[in-house]
């Protein structure tokens, strides 16, 4: 369970929730790297909506994982 500290702003949901997902993936990578998923499914509109949460989250995660390499 996490406590969201940022307010809800329409169109910016991914920016509010992605840090918690990233933190969970980083802990998993550190503690159980064999369990790190190759795919993360996101319930969001993605490319079907110009502010699609899945698209924003994918861009954020791609960028942050590139920084870790």
N, C-alpha and C. Protein backbone atom coordinates (compact mmCIF):
# COMPACT_ATOMS: atom_id res chain seq x y z
N UNK A 1 0.85 -1.16 0.00
CA UNK A 1 0.00 0.00 0.00
C UNK A 1 0.90 1.23 0.00
N UNK A 2 0.56 2.19 -0.82
CA UNK A 2 1.30 3.45 -0.88
C UNK A 2 0.35 4.60 -0.61
N UNK A 3 0.92 5.70 -0.17
CA UNK A 3 0.14 6.91 0.04
C UNK A 3 0.55 7.92 -1.01
N UNK A 4 -0.39 8.31 -1.85
CA UNK A 4 -0.10 9.29 -2.89
C UNK A 4 -0.03 10.68 -2.27
N UNK A 5 1.03 11.40 -2.58
CA UNK A 5 1.22 12.73 -2.01
C UNK A 5 0.90 13.84 -3.00
N UNK A 6 0.87 13.51 -4.27
CA UNK A 6 0.57 14.51 -5.31
C UNK A 6 -0.93 14.53 -5.57
N UNK A 7 -1.48 15.68 -5.87
CA UNK A 7 -2.91 15.76 -6.15
C UNK A 7 -3.24 15.15 -7.51
N UNK A 8 -4.49 14.76 -7.68
CA UNK A 8 -4.94 14.26 -8.98
C UNK A 8 -5.07 15.45 -9.94
N UNK A 9 -4.42 15.33 -11.08
CA UNK A 9 -4.54 16.32 -12.15
C UNK A 9 -4.83 15.54 -13.41
N UNK A 10 -5.96 15.82 -14.04
CA UNK A 10 -6.35 15.09 -15.25
C UNK A 10 -5.23 15.15 -16.28
N UNK A 11 -4.89 13.99 -16.83
CA UNK A 11 -3.86 13.92 -17.85
C UNK A 11 -2.46 13.69 -17.32
N UNK A 12 -2.28 13.73 -16.00
CA UNK A 12 -0.94 13.56 -15.42
C UNK A 12 -0.89 12.41 -14.43
N UNK A 13 -1.80 11.45 -14.56
CA UNK A 13 -1.86 10.34 -13.63
C UNK A 13 -0.57 9.53 -13.62
N UNK A 14 0.03 9.32 -14.76
CA UNK A 14 1.26 8.53 -14.82
C UNK A 14 2.38 9.19 -14.02
N UNK A 15 2.43 10.51 -14.02
CA UNK A 15 3.48 11.21 -13.30
C UNK A 15 3.26 11.13 -11.79
N UNK A 16 2.04 10.90 -11.36
CA UNK A 16 1.73 10.77 -9.95
C UNK A 16 2.00 9.35 -9.45
N UNK A 17 1.75 8.35 -10.28
CA UNK A 17 1.82 6.96 -9.84
C UNK A 17 3.08 6.22 -10.25
N UNK A 18 3.75 6.64 -11.29
CA UNK A 18 4.92 5.91 -11.79
C UNK A 18 6.07 5.81 -10.79
N UNK A 19 6.36 6.83 -9.99
CA UNK A 19 7.46 6.68 -9.03
C UNK A 19 7.31 5.47 -8.11
N UNK A 20 6.08 5.13 -7.72
CA UNK A 20 5.86 3.98 -6.85
C UNK A 20 6.11 2.68 -7.60
N UNK A 21 5.70 2.62 -8.85
CA UNK A 21 5.96 1.44 -9.67
C UNK A 21 7.46 1.27 -9.88
N UNK A 22 8.14 2.35 -10.18
CA UNK A 22 9.58 2.30 -10.40
C UNK A 22 10.31 1.85 -9.13
N UNK A 23 9.90 2.36 -7.99
CA UNK A 23 10.52 1.96 -6.72
C UNK A 23 10.34 0.47 -6.47
N UNK A 24 9.15 -0.05 -6.73
CA UNK A 24 8.89 -1.47 -6.55
C UNK A 24 9.74 -2.31 -7.49
N UNK A 25 9.88 -1.88 -8.74
CA UNK A 25 10.71 -2.61 -9.70
C UNK A 25 12.18 -2.56 -9.31
N UNK A 26 12.64 -1.44 -8.79
CA UNK A 26 14.04 -1.32 -8.36
C UNK A 26 14.32 -2.23 -7.16
N UNK A 27 13.38 -2.29 -6.20
CA UNK A 27 13.55 -3.19 -5.05
C UNK A 27 13.58 -4.64 -5.51
N UNK A 28 12.71 -4.98 -6.45
CA UNK A 28 12.68 -6.34 -6.97
C UNK A 28 13.98 -6.67 -7.69
N UNK A 29 14.49 -5.73 -8.47
CA UNK A 29 15.74 -5.93 -9.20
C UNK A 29 16.90 -6.16 -8.23
N UNK A 30 16.89 -5.46 -7.11
CA UNK A 30 17.96 -5.59 -6.12
C UNK A 30 17.84 -6.87 -5.31
N UNK A 31 16.62 -7.20 -4.85
CA UNK A 31 16.42 -8.32 -3.94
C UNK A 31 16.15 -9.66 -4.61
N UNK A 32 15.46 -9.64 -5.74
CA UNK A 32 15.11 -10.88 -6.45
C UNK A 32 15.21 -10.64 -7.96
N UNK A 33 16.41 -10.43 -8.49
CA UNK A 33 16.54 -10.07 -9.91
C UNK A 33 15.97 -11.11 -10.88
N UNK A 34 15.90 -12.36 -10.46
CA UNK A 34 15.34 -13.38 -11.36
C UNK A 34 13.83 -13.23 -11.52
N UNK A 35 13.20 -12.48 -10.63
CA UNK A 35 11.75 -12.28 -10.71
C UNK A 35 11.36 -10.99 -11.42
N UNK A 36 12.33 -10.21 -11.87
CA UNK A 36 12.04 -8.95 -12.55
C UNK A 36 11.27 -9.22 -13.84
N UNK A 37 10.10 -8.62 -14.01
CA UNK A 37 9.30 -8.90 -15.21
C UNK A 37 9.92 -8.31 -16.47
N UNK A 38 9.68 -8.97 -17.57
CA UNK A 38 10.11 -8.45 -18.86
C UNK A 38 9.04 -7.54 -19.46
N UNK A 39 7.82 -7.66 -18.96
CA UNK A 39 6.70 -6.87 -19.46
C UNK A 39 5.92 -6.36 -18.25
N UNK A 40 5.49 -5.10 -18.31
CA UNK A 40 4.63 -4.53 -17.27
C UNK A 40 3.35 -4.06 -17.96
N UNK A 41 2.22 -4.64 -17.57
CA UNK A 41 0.94 -4.24 -18.14
C UNK A 41 0.38 -3.06 -17.36
N UNK A 42 -0.13 -2.07 -18.07
CA UNK A 42 -0.69 -0.87 -17.46
C UNK A 42 -2.12 -0.71 -17.95
N UNK A 43 -3.02 -0.49 -17.01
CA UNK A 43 -4.41 -0.24 -17.36
C UNK A 43 -4.55 1.25 -17.68
N UNK A 44 -4.49 1.57 -18.94
CA UNK A 44 -4.57 2.97 -19.37
C UNK A 44 -4.90 3.03 -20.85
N UNK A 45 -5.18 4.21 -21.34
CA UNK A 45 -5.59 4.38 -22.73
C UNK A 45 -4.45 4.31 -23.72
N UNK A 46 -3.25 4.62 -23.31
CA UNK A 46 -2.11 4.52 -24.20
C UNK A 46 -2.26 5.36 -25.44
N UNK A 47 -2.00 4.77 -26.59
CA UNK A 47 -2.01 5.51 -27.85
C UNK A 47 -3.41 5.92 -28.31
N UNK A 48 -4.45 5.32 -27.71
CA UNK A 48 -5.81 5.66 -28.13
C UNK A 48 -6.28 7.00 -27.57
N UNK A 49 -5.52 7.57 -26.67
CA UNK A 49 -5.88 8.86 -26.08
C UNK A 49 -4.62 9.72 -26.07
N UNK A 50 -4.73 10.96 -26.47
CA UNK A 50 -3.54 11.80 -26.60
C UNK A 50 -2.84 12.05 -25.27
N UNK A 51 -3.52 11.84 -24.17
CA UNK A 51 -2.89 11.93 -22.86
C UNK A 51 -2.86 10.55 -22.20
N UNK A 52 -2.69 9.53 -22.99
CA UNK A 52 -2.77 8.17 -22.48
C UNK A 52 -1.77 7.87 -21.39
N UNK A 53 -2.29 7.36 -20.26
CA UNK A 53 -1.44 7.05 -19.12
C UNK A 53 -0.39 6.01 -19.45
N UNK A 54 -0.78 4.98 -20.18
CA UNK A 54 0.17 3.92 -20.51
C UNK A 54 1.32 4.45 -21.35
N UNK A 55 1.03 5.35 -22.26
CA UNK A 55 2.08 5.93 -23.10
C UNK A 55 3.03 6.77 -22.26
N UNK A 56 2.50 7.61 -21.39
CA UNK A 56 3.34 8.44 -20.53
C UNK A 56 4.21 7.58 -19.62
N UNK A 57 3.60 6.57 -19.01
CA UNK A 57 4.35 5.71 -18.10
C UNK A 57 5.45 4.96 -18.84
N UNK A 58 5.16 4.50 -20.04
CA UNK A 58 6.18 3.81 -20.82
C UNK A 58 7.35 4.71 -21.13
N UNK A 59 7.07 5.94 -21.50
CA UNK A 59 8.16 6.89 -21.79
C UNK A 59 9.01 7.14 -20.56
N UNK A 60 8.37 7.30 -19.41
CA UNK A 60 9.10 7.54 -18.17
C UNK A 60 9.97 6.34 -17.81
N UNK A 61 9.38 5.14 -17.84
CA UNK A 61 10.13 3.94 -17.48
C UNK A 61 11.27 3.67 -18.45
N UNK A 62 11.02 3.84 -19.75
CA UNK A 62 12.09 3.64 -20.73
C UNK A 62 13.27 4.56 -20.43
N UNK A 63 12.98 5.81 -20.17
CA UNK A 63 14.03 6.79 -19.90
C UNK A 63 14.80 6.42 -18.63
N UNK A 64 14.10 6.07 -17.57
CA UNK A 64 14.77 5.78 -16.31
C UNK A 64 15.57 4.49 -16.38
N UNK A 65 15.08 3.48 -17.09
CA UNK A 65 15.85 2.25 -17.23
C UNK A 65 17.09 2.47 -18.08
N UNK A 66 17.01 3.36 -19.06
CA UNK A 66 18.20 3.68 -19.85
C UNK A 66 19.26 4.34 -18.98
N UNK A 67 18.86 5.16 -18.04
CA UNK A 67 19.81 5.83 -17.16
C UNK A 67 20.53 4.85 -16.25
N UNK A 68 19.89 3.73 -15.91
CA UNK A 68 20.48 2.75 -15.01
C UNK A 68 21.50 1.85 -15.68
N UNK A 69 21.50 1.78 -16.98
CA UNK A 69 22.41 0.84 -17.67
C UNK A 69 23.82 1.28 -17.60
